[in-house]
């Protein structure tokens, strides 16, 4: 269990979580890992690159959604 804690960056001991909480975290981790692998294979890139690019794309998508929801124009935000 200590190895699992290190891999998932837990700051709490696993003893402080209940069974349902651990299952949710485990399933979410597995789903994200599968999505990263699909992204990796689709774009023919390495795992670290896939994680980094996917993170950037999701962040940009979330920011665009926030800007649109606030009544702004997302093209203004992405200008360089």
PDB file of N, CA and C in Angstrom:
ATOM      1  N   UNK A   1       0.809  -1.199   0.000  1.00  0.00           N
ATOM      2  CA  UNK A   1       0.000   0.000   0.000  1.00  0.00           C
ATOM      3  C   UNK A   1       0.849   1.257   0.000  1.00  0.00           C
ATOM      4  N   UNK A   2       2.047   1.196   0.571  1.00  0.00           N
ATOM      5  CA  UNK A   2       2.907   2.382   0.595  1.00  0.00           C
ATOM      6  C   UNK A   2       3.311   2.772  -0.818  1.00  0.00           C
ATOM      7  N   UNK A   3       3.579   1.790  -1.674  1.00  0.00           N
ATOM      8  CA  UNK A   3       3.940   2.072  -3.060  1.00  0.00           C
ATOM      9  C   UNK A   3       2.784   2.753  -3.780  1.00  0.00           C
ATOM     10  N   UNK A   4       1.557   2.288  -3.534  1.00  0.00           N
ATOM     11  CA  UNK A   4       0.375   2.914  -4.120  1.00  0.00           C
ATOM     12  C   UNK A   4       0.257   4.361  -3.658  1.00  0.00           C
ATOM     13  N   UNK A   5       0.549   4.620  -2.391  1.00  0.00           N
ATOM     14  CA  UNK A   5       0.477   5.976  -1.849  1.00  0.00           C
ATOM     15  C   UNK A   5       1.481   6.885  -2.535  1.00  0.00           C
ATOM     16  N   UNK A   6       2.676   6.381  -2.773  1.00  0.00           N
ATOM     17  CA  UNK A   6       3.717   7.176  -3.420  1.00  0.00           C
ATOM     18  C   UNK A   6       3.332   7.459  -4.866  1.00  0.00           C
ATOM     19  N   UNK A   7       2.794   6.469  -5.560  1.00  0.00           N
ATOM     20  CA  UNK A   7       2.417   6.631  -6.968  1.00  0.00           C
ATOM     21  C   UNK A   7       1.292   7.623  -7.169  1.00  0.00           C
ATOM     22  N   UNK A   8       0.353   7.690  -6.237  1.00  0.00           N
ATOM     23  CA  UNK A   8      -0.802   8.565  -6.393  1.00  0.00           C
ATOM     24  C   UNK A   8      -0.634   9.890  -5.654  1.00  0.00           C
ATOM     25  N   UNK A   9       0.533  10.144  -5.081  1.00  0.00           N
ATOM     26  CA  UNK A   9       0.835  11.395  -4.384  1.00  0.00           C
ATOM     27  C   UNK A   9      -0.116  11.673  -3.225  1.00  0.00           C
ATOM     28  N   UNK A  10      -0.455  10.653  -2.472  1.00  0.00           N
ATOM     29  CA  UNK A  10      -1.308  10.848  -1.300  1.00  0.00           C
ATOM     30  C   UNK A  10      -0.518  11.542  -0.212  1.00  0.00           C
ATOM     31  N   UNK A  11      -1.133  12.509   0.443  1.00  0.00           N
ATOM     32  CA  UNK A  11      -0.497  13.129   1.595  1.00  0.00           C
ATOM     33  C   UNK A  11      -1.000  12.487   2.883  1.00  0.00           C
ATOM     34  N   UNK A  12      -2.157  11.854   2.809  1.00  0.00           N
ATOM     35  CA  UNK A  12      -2.710  11.156   3.965  1.00  0.00           C
ATOM     36  C   UNK A  12      -2.335   9.686   3.887  1.00  0.00           C
ATOM     37  N   UNK A  13      -2.413   9.029   5.016  1.00  0.00           N
ATOM     38  CA  UNK A  13      -2.252   7.584   5.048  1.00  0.00           C
ATOM     39  C   UNK A  13      -3.512   6.944   4.477  1.00  0.00           C
ATOM     40  N   UNK A  14      -3.348   5.800   3.830  1.00  0.00           N
ATOM     41  CA  UNK A  14      -4.520   5.113   3.272  1.00  0.00           C
ATOM     42  C   UNK A  14      -5.484   4.664   4.365  1.00  0.00           C
ATOM     43  N   UNK A  15      -5.003   4.567   5.592  1.00  0.00           N
ATOM     44  CA  UNK A  15      -5.875   4.186   6.700  1.00  0.00           C
ATOM     45  C   UNK A  15      -6.909   5.270   7.002  1.00  0.00           C
ATOM     46  N   UNK A  16      -6.646   6.511   6.586  1.00  0.00           N
ATOM     47  CA  UNK A  16      -7.561   7.607   6.864  1.00  0.00           C
ATOM     48  C   UNK A  16      -8.687   7.692   5.832  1.00  0.00           C
ATOM     49  N   UNK A  17      -8.614   6.935   4.741  1.00  0.00           N
ATOM     50  CA  UNK A  17      -9.649   6.922   3.714  1.00  0.00           C
ATOM     51  C   UNK A  17     -10.583   5.748   3.958  1.00  0.00           C
ATOM     52  N   UNK A  18     -11.835   5.897   3.552  1.00  0.00           N
ATOM     53  CA  UNK A  18     -12.726   4.743   3.644  1.00  0.00           C
ATOM     54  C   UNK A  18     -12.629   3.936   2.342  1.00  0.00           C
ATOM     55  N   UNK A  19     -13.225   2.774   2.323  1.00  0.00           N
ATOM     56  CA  UNK A  19     -13.115   1.861   1.183  1.00  0.00           C
ATOM     57  C   UNK A  19     -13.651   2.488  -0.096  1.00  0.00           C
ATOM     58  N   UNK A  20     -14.801   3.170  -0.022  1.00  0.00           N
ATOM     59  CA  UNK A  20     -15.395   3.783  -1.207  1.00  0.00           C
ATOM     60  C   UNK A  20     -14.502   4.883  -1.776  1.00  0.00           C
ATOM     61  N   UNK A  21     -13.898   5.665  -0.901  1.00  0.00           N
ATOM     62  CA  UNK A  21     -12.998   6.722  -1.353  1.00  0.00           C
ATOM     63  C   UNK A  21     -11.793   6.170  -2.085  1.00  0.00           C
ATOM     64  N   UNK A  22     -11.231   5.084  -1.564  1.00  0.00           N
ATOM     65  CA  UNK A  22     -10.075   4.455  -2.209  1.00  0.00           C
ATOM     66  C   UNK A  22     -10.476   3.886  -3.560  1.00  0.00           C
ATOM     67  N   UNK A  23     -11.663   3.282  -3.651  1.00  0.00           N
ATOM     68  CA  UNK A  23     -12.128   2.739  -4.931  1.00  0.00           C
ATOM     69  C   UNK A  23     -12.315   3.838  -5.966  1.00  0.00           C
ATOM     70  N   UNK A  24     -12.886   4.965  -5.560  1.00  0.00           N
ATOM     71  CA  UNK A  24     -13.096   6.076  -6.487  1.00  0.00           C
ATOM     72  C   UNK A  24     -11.758   6.589  -7.001  1.00  0.00           C
ATOM     73  N   UNK A  25     -10.801   6.783  -6.099  1.00  0.00           N
ATOM     74  CA  UNK A  25      -9.476   7.274  -6.497  1.00  0.00           C
ATOM     75  C   UNK A  25      -8.804   6.273  -7.433  1.00  0.00           C
ATOM     76  N   UNK A  26      -8.913   4.995  -7.137  1.00  0.00           N
ATOM     77  CA  UNK A  26      -8.308   3.958  -7.961  1.00  0.00           C
ATOM     78  C   UNK A  26      -8.918   3.942  -9.356  1.00  0.00           C
ATOM     79  N   UNK A  27     -10.250   3.971  -9.444  1.00  0.00           N
ATOM     80  CA  UNK A  27     -10.906   3.964 -10.754  1.00  0.00           C
ATOM     81  C   UNK A  27     -10.606   5.234 -11.546  1.00  0.00           C
ATOM     82  N   UNK A  28     -10.576   6.377 -10.882  1.00  0.00           N
ATOM     83  CA  UNK A  28     -10.244   7.621 -11.581  1.00  0.00           C
ATOM     84  C   UNK A  28      -8.822   7.573 -12.123  1.00  0.00           C
ATOM     85  N   UNK A  29      -7.896   7.024 -11.340  1.00  0.00           N
ATOM     86  CA  UNK A  29      -6.511   6.895 -11.787  1.00  0.00           C
ATOM     87  C   UNK A  29      -6.416   5.976 -12.989  1.00  0.00           C
ATOM     88  N   UNK A  30      -7.129   4.858 -12.959  1.00  0.00           N
ATOM     89  CA  UNK A  30      -7.114   3.925 -14.086  1.00  0.00           C
ATOM     90  C   UNK A  30      -7.715   4.548 -15.346  1.00  0.00           C
ATOM     91  N   UNK A  31      -8.796   5.291 -15.202  1.00  0.00           N
ATOM     92  CA  UNK A  31      -9.432   5.936 -16.352  1.00  0.00           C
ATOM     93  C   UNK A  31      -8.496   6.961 -16.974  1.00  0.00           C
ATOM     94  N   UNK A  32      -7.865   7.785 -16.144  1.00  0.00           N
ATOM     95  CA  UNK A  32      -6.940   8.792 -16.671  1.00  0.00           C
ATOM     96  C   UNK A  32      -5.750   8.122 -17.343  1.00  0.00           C
ATOM     97  N   UNK A  33      -5.226   7.054 -16.759  1.00  0.00           N
ATOM     98  CA  UNK A  33      -4.100   6.345 -17.372  1.00  0.00           C
ATOM     99  C   UNK A  33      -4.488   5.787 -18.736  1.00  0.00           C
ATOM    100  N   UNK A  34      -5.700   5.252 -18.847  1.00  0.00           N
ATOM    101  CA  UNK A  34      -6.156   4.729 -20.135  1.00  0.00           C
ATOM    102  C   UNK A  34      -6.318   5.850 -21.159  1.00  0.00           C
ATOM    103  N   UNK A  35      -6.858   6.988 -20.734  1.00  0.00           N
ATOM    104  CA  UNK A  35      -7.006   8.122 -21.648  1.00  0.00           C
ATOM    105  C   UNK A  35      -5.650   8.633 -22.135  1.00  0.00           C
ATOM    106  N   UNK A  36      -4.667   8.678 -21.242  1.00  0.00           N
ATOM    107  CA  UNK A  36      -3.325   9.120 -21.644  1.00  0.00           C
ATOM    108  C   UNK A  36      -2.725   8.129 -22.638  1.00  0.00           C
ATOM    109  N   UNK A  37      -2.912   6.833 -22.413  1.00  0.00           N
ATOM    110  CA  UNK A  37      -2.390   5.836 -23.351  1.00  0.00           C
ATOM    111  C   UNK A  37      -3.062   5.940 -24.719  1.00  0.00           C
ATOM    112  N   UNK A  38      -4.371   6.177 -24.741  1.00  0.00           N
ATOM    113  CA  UNK A  38      -5.072   6.356 -26.014  1.00  0.00           C
ATOM    114  C   UNK A  38      -4.532   7.585 -26.731  1.00  0.00           C
ATOM    115  N   UNK A  39      -4.353   8.685 -25.998  1.00  0.00           N
ATOM    116  CA  UNK A  39      -3.810   9.920 -26.569  1.00  0.00           C
ATOM    117  C   UNK A  39      -2.405   9.676 -27.117  1.00  0.00           C
ATOM    118  N   UNK A  40      -1.611   8.928 -26.362  1.00  0.00           N
ATOM    119  CA  UNK A  40      -0.227   8.602 -26.761  1.00  0.00           C
ATOM    120  C   UNK A  40      -0.203   7.827 -28.076  1.00  0.00           C
ATOM    121  N   UNK A  41      -1.024   6.805 -28.169  1.00  0.00           N
ATOM    122  CA  UNK A  41      -1.046   5.977 -29.373  1.00  0.00           C
ATOM    123  C   UNK A  41      -1.641   6.723 -30.563  1.00  0.00           C
ATOM    124  N   UNK A  42      -2.634   7.561 -30.310  1.00  0.00           N
ATOM    125  CA  UNK A  42      -3.263   8.317 -31.390  1.00  0.00           C
ATOM    126  C   UNK A  42      -2.294   9.306 -32.027  1.00  0.00           C
ATOM    127  N   UNK A  43      -1.449   9.931 -31.200  1.00  0.00           N
ATOM    128  CA  UNK A  43      -0.543  10.965 -31.685  1.00  0.00           C
ATOM    129  C   UNK A  43       0.883  10.467 -31.922  1.00  0.00           C
ATOM    130  N   UNK A  44       1.140   9.181 -31.695  1.00  0.00           N
ATOM    131  CA  UNK A  44       2.472   8.590 -31.882  1.00  0.00           C
ATOM    132  C   UNK A  44       3.562   9.377 -31.169  1.00  0.00           C
ATOM    133  N   UNK A  45       3.362   9.588 -29.867  1.00  0.00           N
ATOM    134  CA  UNK A  45       4.323  10.312 -29.041  1.00  0.00           C
ATOM    135  C   UNK A  45       4.616   9.489 -27.802  1.00  0.00           C
ATOM    136  N   UNK A  46       5.591   9.931 -27.023  1.00  0.00           N
ATOM    137  CA  UNK A  46       5.947   9.238 -25.795  1.00  0.00           C
ATOM    138  C   UNK A  46       4.963   9.509 -24.675  1.00  0.00           C
ATOM    139  N   UNK A  47       5.094   8.740 -23.597  1.00  0.00           N
ATOM    140  CA  UNK A  47       4.157   8.839 -22.477  1.00  0.00           C
ATOM    141  C   UNK A  47       4.258  10.194 -21.780  1.00  0.00           C
ATOM    142  N   UNK A  48       5.497  10.641 -21.488  1.00  0.00           N
ATOM    143  CA  UNK A  48       5.656  11.925 -20.794  1.00  0.00           C
ATOM    144  C   UNK A  48       5.146  13.073 -21.649  1.00  0.00           C
ATOM    145  N   UNK A  49       5.417  13.017 -22.943  1.00  0.00           N
ATOM    146  CA  UNK A  49       4.934  14.053 -23.851  1.00  0.00           C
ATOM    147  C   UNK A  49       3.414  14.032 -23.914  1.00  0.00           C
ATOM    148  N   UNK A  50       2.837  12.845 -23.940  1.00  0.00           N
ATOM    149  CA  UNK A  50       1.377  12.722 -23.979  1.00  0.00           C
ATOM    150  C   UNK A  50       0.754  13.316 -22.719  1.00  0.00           C
ATOM    151  N   UNK A  51       1.332  13.035 -21.554  1.00  0.00           N
ATOM    152  CA  UNK A  51       0.815  13.597 -20.312  1.00  0.00           C
ATOM    153  C   UNK A  51       0.888  15.114 -20.335  1.00  0.00           C
ATOM    154  N   UNK A  52       2.025  15.649 -20.784  1.00  0.00           N
ATOM    155  CA  UNK A  52       2.208  17.097 -20.802  1.00  0.00           C
ATOM    156  C   UNK A  52       1.252  17.771 -21.781  1.00  0.00           C
ATOM    157  N   UNK A  53       1.158  17.224 -23.016  1.00  0.00           N
ATOM    158  CA  UNK A  53       0.276  17.824 -24.027  1.00  0.00           C
ATOM    159  C   UNK A  53      -1.190  17.716 -23.633  1.00  0.00           C
ATOM    160  N   UNK A  54      -1.565  16.572 -23.093  1.00  0.00           N
ATOM    161  CA  UNK A  54      -2.954  16.386 -22.678  1.00  0.00           C
ATOM    162  C   UNK A  54      -3.304  17.357 -21.559  1.00  0.00           C
ATOM    163  N   UNK A  55      -2.389  17.541 -20.635  1.00  0.00           N
ATOM    164  CA  UNK A  55      -2.582  18.488 -19.543  1.00  0.00           C
ATOM    165  C   UNK A  55      -2.775  19.902 -20.090  1.00  0.00           C
ATOM    166  N   UNK A  56      -1.939  20.310 -21.041  1.00  0.00           N
ATOM    167  CA  UNK A  56      -2.053  21.648 -21.622  1.00  0.00           C
ATOM    168  C   UNK A  56      -3.362  21.812 -22.377  1.00  0.00           C
ATOM    169  N   UNK A  57      -3.762  20.797 -23.147  1.00  0.00           N
ATOM    170  CA  UNK A  57      -5.006  20.888 -23.914  1.00  0.00           C
ATOM    171  C   UNK A  57      -6.232  20.951 -23.006  1.00  0.00           C
ATOM    172  N   UNK A  58      -6.232  20.146 -21.958  1.00  0.00           N
ATOM    173  CA  UNK A  58      -7.365  20.160 -21.018  1.00  0.00           C
ATOM    174  C   UNK A  58      -7.426  21.500 -20.289  1.00  0.00           C
ATOM    175  N   UNK A  59      -6.249  22.021 -19.884  1.00  0.00           N
ATOM    176  CA  UNK A  59      -6.212  23.316 -19.209  1.00  0.00           C
ATOM    177  C   UNK A  59      -6.767  24.410 -20.124  1.00  0.00           C
ATOM    178  N   UNK A  60      -6.327  24.426 -21.395  1.00  0.00           N
ATOM    179  CA  UNK A  60      -6.811  25.434 -22.338  1.00  0.00           C
ATOM    180  C   UNK A  60      -8.311  25.300 -22.584  1.00  0.00           C
ATOM    181  N   UNK A  61      -8.806  24.066 -22.656  1.00  0.00           N
ATOM    182  CA  UNK A  61     -10.237  23.836 -22.843  1.00  0.00           C
ATOM    183  C   UNK A  61     -11.038  24.361 -21.652  1.00  0.00           C
ATOM    184  N   UNK A  62     -10.555  24.103 -20.456  1.00  0.00           N
ATOM    185  CA  UNK A  62     -11.244  24.569 -19.255  1.00  0.00           C
ATOM    186  C   UNK A  62     -11.248  26.093 -19.199  1.00  0.00           C
ATOM    187  N   UNK A  63     -10.110  26.703 -19.521  1.00  0.00           N
ATOM    188  CA  UNK A  63     -10.039  28.164 -19.511  1.00  0.00           C
ATOM    189  C   UNK A  63     -11.003  28.736 -20.545  1.00  0.00           C
ATOM    190  N   UNK A  64     -11.048  28.139 -21.735  1.00  0.00           N
ATOM    191  CA  UNK A  64     -11.961  28.612 -22.778  1.00  0.00           C
ATOM    192  C   UNK A  64     -13.412  28.491 -22.321  1.00  0.00           C
ATOM    193  N   UNK A  65     -13.747  27.405 -21.649  1.00  0.00           N
ATOM    194  CA  UNK A  65     -15.108  27.221 -21.154  1.00  0.00           C
ATOM    195  C   UNK A  65     -15.449  28.278 -20.102  1.00  0.00           C
ATOM    196  N   UNK A  66     -14.489  28.611 -19.252  1.00  0.00           N
ATOM    197  CA  UNK A  66     -14.712  29.632 -18.225  1.00  0.00           C
ATOM    198  C   UNK A  66     -14.914  30.994 -18.872  1.00  0.00           C
ATOM    199  N   UNK A  67     -14.083  31.309 -19.858  1.00  0.00           N
ATOM    200  CA  UNK A  67     -14.203  32.601 -20.530  1.00  0.00           C
ATOM    201  C   UNK A  67     -15.554  32.719 -21.222  1.00  0.00           C
ATOM    202  N   UNK A  68     -15.979  31.661 -21.915  1.00  0.00           N
ATOM    203  CA  UNK A  68     -17.270  31.687 -22.603  1.00  0.00           C
ATOM    204  C   UNK A  68     -18.403  31.820 -21.595  1.00  0.00           C
ATOM    205  N   UNK A  69     -18.306  31.075 -20.506  1.00  0.00           N
ATOM    206  CA  UNK A  69     -19.353  31.128 -19.486  1.00  0.00           C
ATOM    207  C   UNK A  69     -19.456  32.517 -18.868  1.00  0.00           C
ATOM    208  N   UNK A  70     -18.329  33.213 -18.782  1.00  0.00           N
ATOM    209  CA  UNK A  70     -18.317  34.562 -18.203  1.00  0.00           C
ATOM    210  C   UNK A  70     -18.720  35.630 -19.210  1.00  0.00           C
ATOM    211  N   UNK A  71     -19.030  35.220 -20.434  1.00  0.00           N
ATOM    212  CA  UNK A  71     -19.477  36.184 -21.427  1.00  0.00           C
ATOM    213  C   UNK A  71     -18.354  36.800 -22.228  1.00  0.00           C
ATOM    214  N   UNK A  72     -17.156  36.302 -22.088  1.00  0.00           N
ATOM    215  CA  UNK A  72     -16.009  36.837 -22.823  1.00  0.00           C
ATOM    216  C   UNK A  72     -15.783  36.096 -24.122  1.00  0.00           C
ATOM    217  N   UNK A  73     -14.742  36.495 -24.815  1.00  0.00           N
ATOM    218  CA  UNK A  73     -14.379  35.887 -26.088  1.00  0.00           C
ATOM    219  C   UNK A  73     -13.077  35.110 -25.894  1.00  0.00           C
ATOM    220  N   UNK A  74     -13.073  33.777 -26.058  1.00  0.00           N
ATOM    221  CA  UNK A  74     -11.859  33.002 -25.784  1.00  0.00           C
ATOM    222  C   UNK A  74     -10.715  33.313 -26.752  1.00  0.00           C
ATOM    223  N   UNK A  75     -10.987  33.878 -27.911  1.00  0.00           N
ATOM    224  CA  UNK A  75      -9.888  34.191 -28.841  1.00  0.00           C
ATOM    225  C   UNK A  75      -8.998  35.291 -28.282  1.00  0.00           C
ATOM    226  N   UNK A  76      -9.560  36.174 -27.467  1.00  0.00           N
ATOM    227  CA  UNK A  76      -8.759  37.228 -26.851  1.00  0.00           C
ATOM    228  C   UNK A  76      -7.762  36.611 -25.871  1.00  0.00           C
ATOM    229  N   UNK A  77      -8.180  35.608 -25.144  1.00  0.00           N
ATOM    230  CA  UNK A  77      -7.302  34.970 -24.151  1.00  0.00           C
ATOM    231  C   UNK A  77      -6.128  34.256 -24.793  1.00  0.00           C
ATOM    232  N   UNK A  78      -6.347  33.599 -25.953  1.00  0.00           N
ATOM    233  CA  UNK A  78      -5.297  32.796 -26.564  1.00  0.00           C
ATOM    234  C   UNK A  78      -4.397  33.592 -27.507  1.00  0.00           C
ATOM    235  N   UNK A  79      -4.570  34.910 -27.602  1.00  0.00           N
ATOM    236  CA  UNK A  79      -3.677  35.720 -28.426  1.00  0.00           C
ATOM    237  C   UNK A  79      -2.303  35.752 -27.772  1.00  0.00           C
ATOM    238  N   UNK A  80      -1.263  35.710 -28.605  1.00  0.00           N
ATOM    239  CA  UNK A  80       0.103  35.750 -28.063  1.00  0.00           C
ATOM    240  C   UNK A  80       0.762  37.056 -28.361  1.00  0.00           C
TER     241      UNK A  80
END
